[in-house]
Amino acid sequence: MKYCVRCGNMLQDDAKFCAECGTPVNESAEKKRANKDISKCPACGARIPSFTVVCPECGHELNQAKVPDSVKEFSEKINACDYNIAQNPPKQKGLWSWGAGKWILWIILNLITCFLPMFIYFIVMLISASTRGSLTNEEKVKEQLVSNYPFPNNREDLLEGLLFIETQMEAIASQKITNNSLQWIKIWKNKAEQLYQKMDVMLKGDPIAEKSWDEINIAEKTVKKKIYSKILIGLSITTIIMIVMLAYVGAKSCVTDKDYQELDKGVEKTVQEVNEPFDWPTTGLATLISPPPVLVGEIKNNSEKSFRVRVNGVTQEQYDAYVLNCTEKGFKKGDGSSGAYYNDDGYKLSLSKSDDSMTIGIEPPEKMDEIHWPTTGVASKIPAPESNIGRVSYESDRSYSVDIGNTSKEDFKKYVDACINAGFSVDYYRDEDSFSAKNKDKDSLRVSYKGNNVMGISVSAK
């Protein structure tokens, strides 16, 4: 019984093609020999005329010669090996065995590195193409059979064996190239070379052997050409992509002397703008205070919602005088530790000095409405403040944050005492403007006096 060398499907005795995959069934060496230009008898070596059916010297029937038992046995063992290999096909290796996740990472890596990993991959493939690949256990059994099978040292067995190997190599050359195609070509070629050398010693210049040897070399060259062409095409495409990407990146990152000059001008212009004289605004929040003693610097923002300016070249004496001027304008220092100043309408003034510069900022009062203290969740574990005017920052069962208005410094202190009495006395810290503690359930509380009669409360569950 025969089996397909490609898929392992069982073949009919007279089948010419596999019914499963369409692969041509290996021709017997006898049929190939019948199609060769025979000039010598395979039995005795006598020269015979064309179209002769029986050798005139020994009576050997040329067109009906049977396949030698050694070749028949070798063919059956090879078919058995091919069947076992087909039942246990080699696993995919390399890039084609990867899943979607690895492919995505591989593509991203190549895009980031301008396809350098892919270039290296094809170089390694090119170098290792002619090296020995890895075979499965079933393939190793077939390799040992091919390499060590002993053909009898007579012309007919050697010639039939050579022709059989030719059909095997032609089948590999005609099929799709795999990772081990070149290795199998080498295995069969080494065996064919053994038989050919014996043939050359026994009967040098045998036309059938010479023709078969030429066909074997052609099959080997075909497989090599397919493999190296595939690798070189991939390498060429990758190289082109690398060159294009590197050229693009180089063009983007290339900065000429002219570009540097433009950059320098831009930096110089920015410095000049920061130190340029400016006019004090006559609209917006800036109208609530007097102009500073020096009008050189940069106005960051001026609107109904915020005002911020940085003034350069201010001495400490000028800064102190300006703070006094702002208090005369109605801005009094808040009770909190923030160092902010507030007027009677709740507007917040921030003043700070660093080296020879001064920063001025004004913010409108926070808009607050009537709130209802939560009766559930973590906020229900702390007492409600006396004032119900405030602004809730965020609220959930596990956390609550709110700013409470209409709360004096004394009201803040009383509220902290109430929180301690409510059980928030674990790991606590308290000073003039802030308080933090936990209760027995490890819930966290923080209370701070922000100034301008505003108290901040934040509580969160463990």
Protein backbone atom coordinates (compact mmCIF):
# COMPACT_ATOMS: atom_id res chain seq x y z
CA MET A 1 0.00 0.00 0.00
CA LYS A 2 1.28 3.49 -0.91
CA TYR A 3 0.74 6.84 0.80
CA CYS A 4 0.95 10.41 -0.45
CA VAL A 5 4.32 11.99 0.38
CA ARG A 6 2.66 15.34 1.08
CA CYS A 7 -0.54 14.68 3.12
CA GLY A 8 -0.27 10.96 4.04
CA ASN A 9 -3.49 9.99 2.27
CA MET A 10 -3.75 6.30 1.29
CA LEU A 11 -3.30 5.85 -2.49
CA GLN A 12 -4.73 3.38 -4.95
CA ASP A 13 -2.16 1.12 -6.60
CA ASP A 14 -2.79 2.67 -10.04
CA ALA A 15 -3.25 6.26 -8.84
CA LYS A 16 -1.26 8.94 -10.67
CA PHE A 17 -2.33 11.82 -8.40
CA CYS A 18 -3.34 12.01 -4.73
CA ALA A 19 -7.14 12.29 -4.46
CA GLU A 20 -6.79 14.43 -1.30
CA CYS A 21 -4.22 17.12 -2.27
CA GLY A 22 -3.50 16.48 -5.96
CA THR A 23 0.21 15.78 -5.51
CA PRO A 24 1.61 13.62 -8.36
CA VAL A 25 2.34 10.06 -7.31
CA ASN A 26 6.03 9.21 -7.64
CA GLU A 27 6.74 7.45 -10.87
CA SER A 28 8.56 4.19 -10.58
CA ALA A 29 12.13 4.10 -11.70
CA GLU A 30 11.09 1.44 -14.21
CA LYS A 31 8.77 3.88 -16.02
CA LYS A 32 11.41 6.61 -16.01
CA ARG A 33 13.94 4.19 -17.36
CA ALA A 34 11.55 3.17 -20.11
CA ASN A 35 11.36 6.82 -21.17
CA LYS A 36 15.15 7.26 -21.24
CA ASP A 37 17.27 6.76 -24.31
CA ILE A 38 18.59 3.28 -23.36
CA SER A 39 21.79 2.29 -25.19
CA LYS A 40 22.97 -0.51 -22.86
CA CYS A 41 21.25 -3.48 -21.29
CA PRO A 42 20.65 -2.87 -17.55
CA ALA A 43 21.31 -6.58 -16.85
CA CYS A 44 24.54 -7.31 -18.73
CA GLY A 45 25.64 -3.92 -20.00
CA ALA A 46 25.65 -4.96 -23.66
CA ARG A 47 24.94 -2.22 -26.22
CA ILE A 48 21.54 -2.64 -27.84
CA PRO A 49 19.84 -1.00 -30.84
CA SER A 50 16.95 1.41 -30.45
CA PHE A 51 13.41 -0.04 -30.08
CA THR A 52 14.89 -3.42 -29.01
CA VAL A 53 12.53 -5.31 -26.64
CA VAL A 54 14.83 -8.20 -25.65
CA CYS A 55 18.59 -7.95 -25.11
CA PRO A 56 20.29 -9.98 -27.89
CA GLU A 57 23.10 -10.97 -25.52
CA CYS A 58 21.31 -12.19 -22.38
CA GLY A 59 17.60 -12.17 -23.32
CA HIS A 60 16.65 -9.54 -20.69
CA GLU A 61 13.18 -8.05 -21.38
CA LEU A 62 13.84 -4.33 -21.41
CA ASN A 63 10.34 -2.81 -21.19
CA GLN A 64 8.95 -5.30 -18.70
CA ALA A 65 11.79 -5.40 -16.20
CA LYS A 66 10.60 -5.61 -12.65
CA VAL A 67 11.65 -3.19 -9.94
CA PRO A 68 14.43 -4.76 -7.84
CA ASP A 69 13.40 -6.01 -4.41
CA SER A 70 15.78 -3.60 -2.67
CA VAL A 71 14.19 -0.55 -4.30
CA LYS A 72 10.70 -1.92 -3.69
CA GLU A 73 11.51 -2.45 0.00
CA PHE A 74 13.10 1.02 0.23
CA SER A 75 10.06 2.63 -1.41
CA GLU A 76 7.66 0.90 0.97
CA LYS A 77 9.65 2.02 4.00
CA ILE A 78 9.77 5.58 2.69
CA ASN A 79 5.98 5.53 2.18
CA ALA A 80 5.55 4.30 5.75
CA CYS A 81 7.75 7.12 7.04
CA ASP A 82 5.82 9.68 4.98
CA TYR A 83 2.58 8.36 6.45
CA ASN A 84 3.89 8.75 10.02
CA ILE A 85 5.14 12.26 9.25
CA ALA A 86 1.76 13.20 7.77
CA GLN A 87 0.03 11.95 10.93
CA ASN A 88 2.40 14.02 13.10
CA PRO A 89 3.16 17.10 10.99
CA PRO A 90 5.97 19.45 12.12
CA LYS A 91 4.81 22.46 14.10
CA GLN A 92 5.02 25.90 12.59
CA LYS A 93 8.06 27.84 13.75
CA GLY A 94 9.20 31.44 13.67
CA LEU A 95 6.92 34.36 12.79
CA TRP A 96 4.18 32.19 11.29
CA SER A 97 3.62 30.36 14.58
CA TRP A 98 2.87 33.56 16.53
CA GLY A 99 -0.52 34.62 17.78
CA ALA A 100 -2.22 37.98 17.21
CA GLY A 101 -0.71 39.55 20.34
CA LYS A 102 2.89 38.81 19.36
CA TRP A 103 2.25 40.01 15.81
CA ILE A 104 0.91 43.35 17.08
CA LEU A 105 3.96 43.83 19.32
CA TRP A 106 6.26 42.81 16.44
CA ILE A 107 4.66 45.37 14.09
CA ILE A 108 4.83 48.13 16.72
CA LEU A 109 8.49 47.33 17.43
CA ASN A 110 9.34 47.51 13.72
CA LEU A 111 7.50 50.81 13.26
CA ILE A 112 9.33 52.33 16.23
CA THR A 113 12.75 51.10 15.07
CA CYS A 114 12.30 51.72 11.33
CA PHE A 115 11.96 47.96 10.60
CA LEU A 116 15.43 47.13 11.90
CA PRO A 117 14.24 43.87 13.63
CA MET A 118 12.67 42.66 10.36
CA PHE A 119 15.89 43.46 8.49
CA ILE A 120 17.92 41.46 11.03
CA TYR A 121 15.39 38.61 10.79
CA PHE A 122 15.88 38.24 7.04
CA ILE A 123 19.67 38.49 7.39
CA VAL A 124 19.60 35.64 9.92
CA MET A 125 17.36 33.64 7.58
CA LEU A 126 19.78 34.21 4.71
CA ILE A 127 22.75 33.08 6.81
CA SER A 128 21.00 30.05 8.29
CA ALA A 129 19.19 28.96 5.10
CA SER A 130 21.87 26.39 4.30
CA THR A 131 22.34 25.17 7.85
CA ARG A 132 20.78 22.09 9.34
CA GLY A 133 17.21 22.63 10.51
CA SER A 134 15.37 20.79 13.26
CA LEU A 135 13.49 17.59 12.41
CA THR A 136 10.70 15.84 14.26
CA ASN A 137 11.24 12.34 15.60
CA GLU A 138 9.32 10.90 12.64
CA GLU A 139 11.45 12.90 10.21
CA LYS A 140 14.65 11.74 11.91
CA VAL A 141 13.60 8.13 11.35
CA LYS A 142 13.17 8.86 7.64
CA GLU A 143 16.52 10.67 7.53
CA GLN A 144 18.30 7.66 9.04
CA LEU A 145 16.57 5.35 6.57
CA VAL A 146 17.63 7.45 3.56
CA SER A 147 21.20 7.89 4.77
CA ASN A 148 21.86 4.28 5.83
CA TYR A 149 19.77 2.11 3.53
CA PRO A 150 22.13 -0.37 1.77
CA PHE A 151 21.49 -0.79 -1.97
CA PRO A 152 23.09 -3.87 -3.51
CA ASN A 153 26.17 -3.11 -5.58
CA ASN A 154 24.76 -4.05 -8.97
CA ARG A 155 23.85 -1.78 -11.81
CA GLU A 156 20.12 -2.42 -11.77
CA ASP A 157 19.61 -1.77 -8.04
CA LEU A 158 21.83 1.30 -8.06
CA LEU A 159 20.20 2.73 -11.19
CA GLU A 160 16.67 2.11 -9.90
CA GLY A 161 17.63 3.67 -6.56
CA LEU A 162 19.05 6.72 -8.33
CA LEU A 163 15.91 7.15 -10.39
CA PHE A 164 13.73 6.76 -7.27
CA ILE A 165 15.69 9.53 -5.53
CA GLU A 166 15.25 11.72 -8.60
CA THR A 167 11.46 11.43 -8.31
CA GLN A 168 11.64 12.34 -4.61
CA MET A 169 13.70 15.47 -5.26
CA GLU A 170 11.52 16.55 -8.17
CA ALA A 171 8.46 16.21 -5.89
CA ILE A 172 10.09 18.50 -3.29
CA ALA A 173 11.01 21.04 -5.98
CA SER A 174 7.46 21.11 -7.36
CA GLN A 175 5.75 21.58 -3.99
CA LYS A 176 5.46 24.58 -1.69
CA ILE A 177 8.74 25.41 -0.01
CA THR A 178 8.84 24.71 3.74
CA ASN A 179 11.42 25.30 6.49
CA ASN A 180 13.00 21.88 5.87
CA SER A 181 12.77 21.71 2.05
CA LEU A 182 16.45 22.49 1.55
CA GLN A 183 17.47 20.04 4.25
CA TRP A 184 15.53 17.20 2.62
CA ILE A 185 17.06 18.08 -0.75
CA LYS A 186 20.51 17.75 0.84
CA ILE A 187 19.61 14.42 2.48
CA TRP A 188 18.39 12.93 -0.81
CA LYS A 189 21.28 14.51 -2.75
CA ASN A 190 23.87 12.91 -0.45
CA LYS A 191 22.28 9.49 -0.95
CA ALA A 192 22.09 10.02 -4.71
CA GLU A 193 25.77 10.98 -4.77
CA GLN A 194 26.67 7.69 -3.07
CA LEU A 195 24.78 5.70 -5.71
CA TYR A 196 26.09 7.81 -8.59
CA GLN A 197 29.71 7.35 -7.49
CA LYS A 198 29.20 3.57 -7.36
CA MET A 199 27.59 3.70 -10.81
CA ASP A 200 30.50 5.72 -12.11
CA VAL A 201 32.95 3.08 -10.89
CA MET A 202 30.96 0.16 -12.29
CA LEU A 203 30.01 1.67 -15.63
CA LYS A 204 31.37 5.14 -16.25
CA GLY A 205 29.30 7.38 -18.51
CA ASP A 206 26.01 5.42 -18.31
CA PRO A 207 23.52 7.70 -20.12
CA ILE A 208 20.59 6.90 -17.83
CA ALA A 209 22.63 7.55 -14.70
CA GLU A 210 24.11 10.74 -16.18
CA LYS A 211 20.67 12.04 -17.16
CA SER A 212 19.22 11.20 -13.75
CA TRP A 213 22.14 12.90 -12.00
CA ASP A 214 21.56 16.04 -14.09
CA GLU A 215 17.87 16.04 -13.13
CA ILE A 216 18.80 15.68 -9.45
CA ASN A 217 21.09 18.71 -9.67
CA ILE A 218 18.36 20.70 -11.41
CA ALA A 219 15.87 19.85 -8.62
CA GLU A 220 18.41 20.97 -6.01
CA LYS A 221 19.01 24.28 -7.80
CA THR A 222 15.25 24.85 -8.13
CA VAL A 223 14.67 24.48 -4.39
CA LYS A 224 17.64 26.72 -3.53
CA LYS A 225 16.45 29.35 -5.98
CA LYS A 226 12.95 29.38 -4.46
CA ILE A 227 14.27 29.66 -0.91
CA TYR A 228 16.87 32.35 -1.54
CA SER A 229 14.54 34.31 -3.82
CA LYS A 230 11.90 34.37 -1.10
CA ILE A 231 14.38 35.58 1.50
CA LEU A 232 16.00 38.17 -0.80
CA ILE A 233 12.62 39.59 -1.84
CA GLY A 234 11.66 40.03 1.82
CA LEU A 235 15.06 41.54 2.58
CA SER A 236 14.79 43.95 -0.36
CA ILE A 237 11.29 45.11 0.62
CA THR A 238 12.38 45.59 4.23
CA THR A 239 15.48 47.52 3.14
CA ILE A 240 13.39 49.85 0.98
CA ILE A 241 10.98 50.49 3.86
CA MET A 242 13.91 51.18 6.20
CA ILE A 243 15.47 53.65 3.77
CA VAL A 244 12.18 55.48 3.25
CA MET A 245 11.45 55.70 6.99
CA LEU A 246 14.99 56.79 7.87
CA ALA A 247 14.91 59.42 5.15
CA TYR A 248 11.58 60.70 6.46
CA VAL A 249 12.81 60.81 10.05
CA GLY A 250 16.04 62.47 8.95
CA ALA A 251 14.16 65.13 7.01
CA LYS A 252 11.93 65.84 9.99
CA SER A 253 14.79 66.06 12.47
CA CYS A 254 17.21 67.95 10.23
CA VAL A 255 17.79 71.49 11.47
CA THR A 256 19.85 73.86 9.36
CA ASP A 257 21.76 76.89 10.53
CA LYS A 258 18.89 79.02 9.30
CA ASP A 259 16.49 77.04 11.43
CA TYR A 260 18.70 77.57 14.48
CA GLN A 261 18.75 81.29 13.77
CA GLU A 262 14.96 81.34 13.64
CA LEU A 263 14.79 79.41 16.91
CA ASP A 264 17.19 81.85 18.54
CA LYS A 265 15.06 84.75 17.34
CA GLY A 266 11.98 83.08 18.81
CA VAL A 267 13.67 82.58 22.19
CA GLU A 268 14.97 86.13 22.15
CA LYS A 269 11.51 87.42 21.28
CA THR A 270 9.96 85.47 24.17
CA VAL A 271 12.49 86.95 26.64
CA GLN A 272 11.83 90.40 25.30
CA GLU A 273 8.07 89.95 25.67
CA VAL A 274 8.44 88.82 29.29
CA ASN A 275 10.45 91.94 30.15
CA GLU A 276 8.55 94.41 28.02
CA PRO A 277 6.79 97.37 29.64
CA PHE A 278 3.03 96.98 29.85
CA ASP A 279 0.01 99.19 30.57
CA TRP A 280 -2.06 98.44 33.62
CA PRO A 281 -5.49 97.15 32.57
CA THR A 282 -8.48 99.46 32.97
CA THR A 283 -11.01 96.60 32.86
CA GLY A 284 -11.46 93.29 34.61
CA LEU A 285 -10.29 92.24 38.06
CA ALA A 286 -7.14 94.40 37.81
CA THR A 287 -9.25 97.51 38.55
CA LEU A 288 -9.72 96.32 42.17
CA ILE A 289 -6.12 97.21 43.08
CA SER A 290 -3.56 99.89 42.26
CA PRO A 291 -0.84 99.39 39.61
CA PRO A 292 2.46 98.00 40.99
CA PRO A 293 5.49 100.28 41.35
CA VAL A 294 7.12 98.78 38.22
CA LEU A 295 5.24 98.08 34.98
CA VAL A 296 7.73 95.71 33.36
CA GLY A 297 7.01 92.02 32.95
CA GLU A 298 4.10 90.01 31.55
CA ILE A 299 0.35 89.94 32.10
CA LYS A 300 -0.62 86.25 32.11
CA ASN A 301 -4.39 86.69 32.27
CA ASN A 302 -6.97 89.42 32.81
CA SER A 303 -10.69 88.65 32.76
CA GLU A 304 -13.74 88.65 35.00
CA LYS A 305 -12.75 85.18 36.29
CA SER A 306 -9.04 85.59 37.00
CA PHE A 307 -6.14 88.04 36.88
CA ARG A 308 -2.45 87.19 37.03
CA VAL A 309 0.64 89.28 36.31
CA ARG A 310 4.38 88.85 36.86
CA VAL A 311 6.29 92.07 37.55
CA ASN A 312 10.09 92.14 37.21
CA GLY A 313 12.62 94.45 38.89
CA VAL A 314 10.79 94.90 42.22
CA THR A 315 12.81 95.52 45.40
CA GLN A 316 11.76 94.32 48.85
CA GLU A 317 10.92 97.88 49.92
CA GLN A 318 8.71 98.36 46.87
CA TYR A 319 6.98 95.03 47.55
CA ASP A 320 6.25 95.89 51.20
CA ALA A 321 4.89 99.27 50.20
CA TYR A 322 2.64 97.67 47.60
CA VAL A 323 1.23 95.18 50.14
CA LEU A 324 0.38 98.15 52.39
CA ASN A 325 -1.28 99.90 49.45
CA CYS A 326 -3.48 96.85 48.78
CA THR A 327 -4.63 96.73 52.39
CA GLU A 328 -5.59 100.37 52.11
CA LYS A 329 -7.67 99.36 49.06
CA GLY A 330 -9.73 97.10 51.33
CA PHE A 331 -7.87 93.77 51.06
CA LYS A 332 -7.21 92.36 54.53
CA LYS A 333 -5.05 89.34 55.27
CA GLY A 334 -7.11 86.22 55.74
CA ASP A 335 -7.21 84.17 58.93
CA GLY A 336 -5.92 81.06 57.18
CA SER A 337 -2.33 80.01 56.60
CA SER A 338 -2.46 80.60 52.84
CA GLY A 339 -1.36 84.23 53.13
CA ALA A 340 -4.16 85.42 50.88
CA TYR A 341 -5.94 88.78 51.20
CA TYR A 342 -9.71 89.29 50.96
CA ASN A 343 -11.95 92.33 50.59
CA ASP A 344 -15.48 92.71 51.95
CA ASP A 345 -16.99 91.26 48.76
CA GLY A 346 -14.95 88.05 49.10
CA TYR A 347 -12.45 88.70 46.29
CA LYS A 348 -9.13 86.93 46.92
CA LEU A 349 -5.78 88.66 46.34
CA SER A 350 -2.55 86.63 46.21
CA LEU A 351 0.81 88.38 46.55
CA SER A 352 4.22 86.70 46.45
CA LYS A 353 7.82 87.72 45.85
CA SER A 354 10.77 85.75 44.42
CA ASP A 355 14.19 87.32 43.87
CA ASP A 356 13.50 90.62 42.07
CA SER A 357 10.05 89.71 40.74
CA MET A 358 6.54 89.90 42.19
CA THR A 359 3.44 87.88 41.29
CA ILE A 360 -0.04 89.30 41.68
CA GLY A 361 -3.26 87.27 41.37
CA ILE A 362 -6.93 88.05 41.91
CA GLU A 363 -9.84 85.60 41.99
CA PRO A 364 -13.56 86.31 42.38
CA PRO A 365 -15.37 84.91 45.44
CA GLU A 366 -16.48 81.31 45.26
CA LYS A 367 -20.14 80.92 44.39
CA MET A 368 -21.92 79.07 47.18
CA ASP A 369 -25.52 77.91 47.58
CA GLU A 370 -27.61 76.29 50.24
CA ILE A 371 -26.63 72.67 50.80
CA HIS A 372 -28.24 69.73 52.61
CA TRP A 373 -25.93 67.66 54.78
CA PRO A 374 -25.92 63.95 53.82
CA THR A 375 -27.78 61.57 56.15
CA THR A 376 -26.21 58.42 54.64
CA GLY A 377 -22.72 57.35 53.67
CA VAL A 378 -19.44 58.30 55.30
CA ALA A 379 -20.44 62.01 55.60
CA SER A 380 -23.18 61.04 58.07
CA LYS A 381 -20.46 59.99 60.55
CA ILE A 382 -19.32 63.60 61.09
CA PRO A 383 -21.44 66.44 62.52
CA ALA A 384 -23.12 68.90 60.18
CA PRO A 385 -21.62 72.44 60.34
CA GLU A 386 -23.73 75.32 61.61
CA SER A 387 -23.72 77.06 58.20
CA ASN A 388 -25.68 75.49 55.36
CA ILE A 389 -24.08 77.69 52.70
CA GLY A 390 -21.38 75.98 50.71
CA ARG A 391 -20.12 74.32 47.55
CA VAL A 392 -19.84 70.52 47.20
CA SER A 393 -16.73 69.35 45.28
CA TYR A 394 -17.67 65.65 45.16
CA GLU A 395 -20.06 63.34 46.97
CA SER A 396 -20.48 59.54 47.24
CA ASP A 397 -21.19 56.92 49.90
CA ARG A 398 -17.44 56.54 50.51
CA SER A 399 -16.19 60.12 50.15
CA TYR A 400 -17.43 63.68 50.60
CA SER A 401 -15.73 67.05 50.08
CA VAL A 402 -17.29 70.48 50.62
CA ASP A 403 -16.38 74.13 51.25
CA ILE A 404 -18.57 75.79 53.89
CA GLY A 405 -19.09 79.57 53.83
CA ASN A 406 -20.17 81.99 56.54
CA THR A 407 -17.79 80.25 58.95
CA SER A 408 -15.50 82.30 61.15
CA LYS A 409 -12.25 81.16 62.71
CA GLU A 410 -14.08 80.53 66.00
CA ASP A 411 -16.73 78.50 64.16
CA PHE A 412 -13.94 76.39 62.65
CA LYS A 413 -12.49 75.61 66.10
CA LYS A 414 -15.89 74.65 67.49
CA TYR A 415 -16.51 72.34 64.55
CA VAL A 416 -13.16 70.58 65.08
CA ASP A 417 -14.14 69.98 68.74
CA ALA A 418 -17.45 68.50 67.57
CA CYS A 419 -15.62 66.13 65.18
CA ILE A 420 -13.38 64.90 68.01
CA ASN A 421 -16.43 64.26 70.18
CA ALA A 422 -17.96 62.32 67.24
CA GLY A 423 -15.09 59.81 67.44
CA PHE A 424 -12.49 61.24 65.09
CA SER A 425 -9.69 61.22 67.62
CA VAL A 426 -7.36 58.49 66.32
CA ASP A 427 -3.96 59.58 64.95
CA TYR A 428 -5.16 63.16 64.93
CA TYR A 429 -3.19 66.35 64.17
CA ARG A 430 -4.41 69.86 64.98
CA ASP A 431 -3.10 73.40 64.56
CA GLU A 432 -4.58 76.88 64.07
CA ASP A 433 -5.89 76.29 60.58
CA SER A 434 -6.10 72.52 60.01
CA PHE A 435 -7.19 69.26 61.59
CA SER A 436 -6.82 65.63 60.48
CA ALA A 437 -7.80 62.39 62.23
CA LYS A 438 -9.35 58.92 61.90
CA ASN A 439 -12.11 57.13 63.79
CA LYS A 440 -12.15 53.56 65.06
CA ASP A 441 -13.33 52.37 61.60
CA LYS A 442 -10.20 53.94 60.04
CA ASP A 443 -12.28 56.53 58.16
CA SER A 444 -10.20 59.65 57.41
CA LEU A 445 -11.25 63.27 58.06
CA ARG A 446 -9.55 66.56 57.18
CA VAL A 447 -10.86 70.04 58.13
CA SER A 448 -9.10 73.29 57.19
CA TYR A 449 -9.79 76.97 57.56
CA LYS A 450 -9.16 78.58 54.16
CA GLY A 451 -9.80 82.18 55.18
CA ASN A 452 -12.48 84.66 54.22
CA ASN A 453 -14.98 82.75 56.39
CA VAL A 454 -14.55 79.55 54.36
CA MET A 455 -13.95 76.13 55.91
CA GLY A 456 -13.03 73.03 53.91
CA ILE A 457 -14.20 69.53 54.96
CA SER A 458 -13.09 66.27 53.36
CA VAL A 459 -13.96 62.77 54.66
CA SER A 460 -13.39 59.34 53.11
CA ALA A 461 -14.10 55.75 54.15
CA LYS A 462 -11.38 53.17 54.64
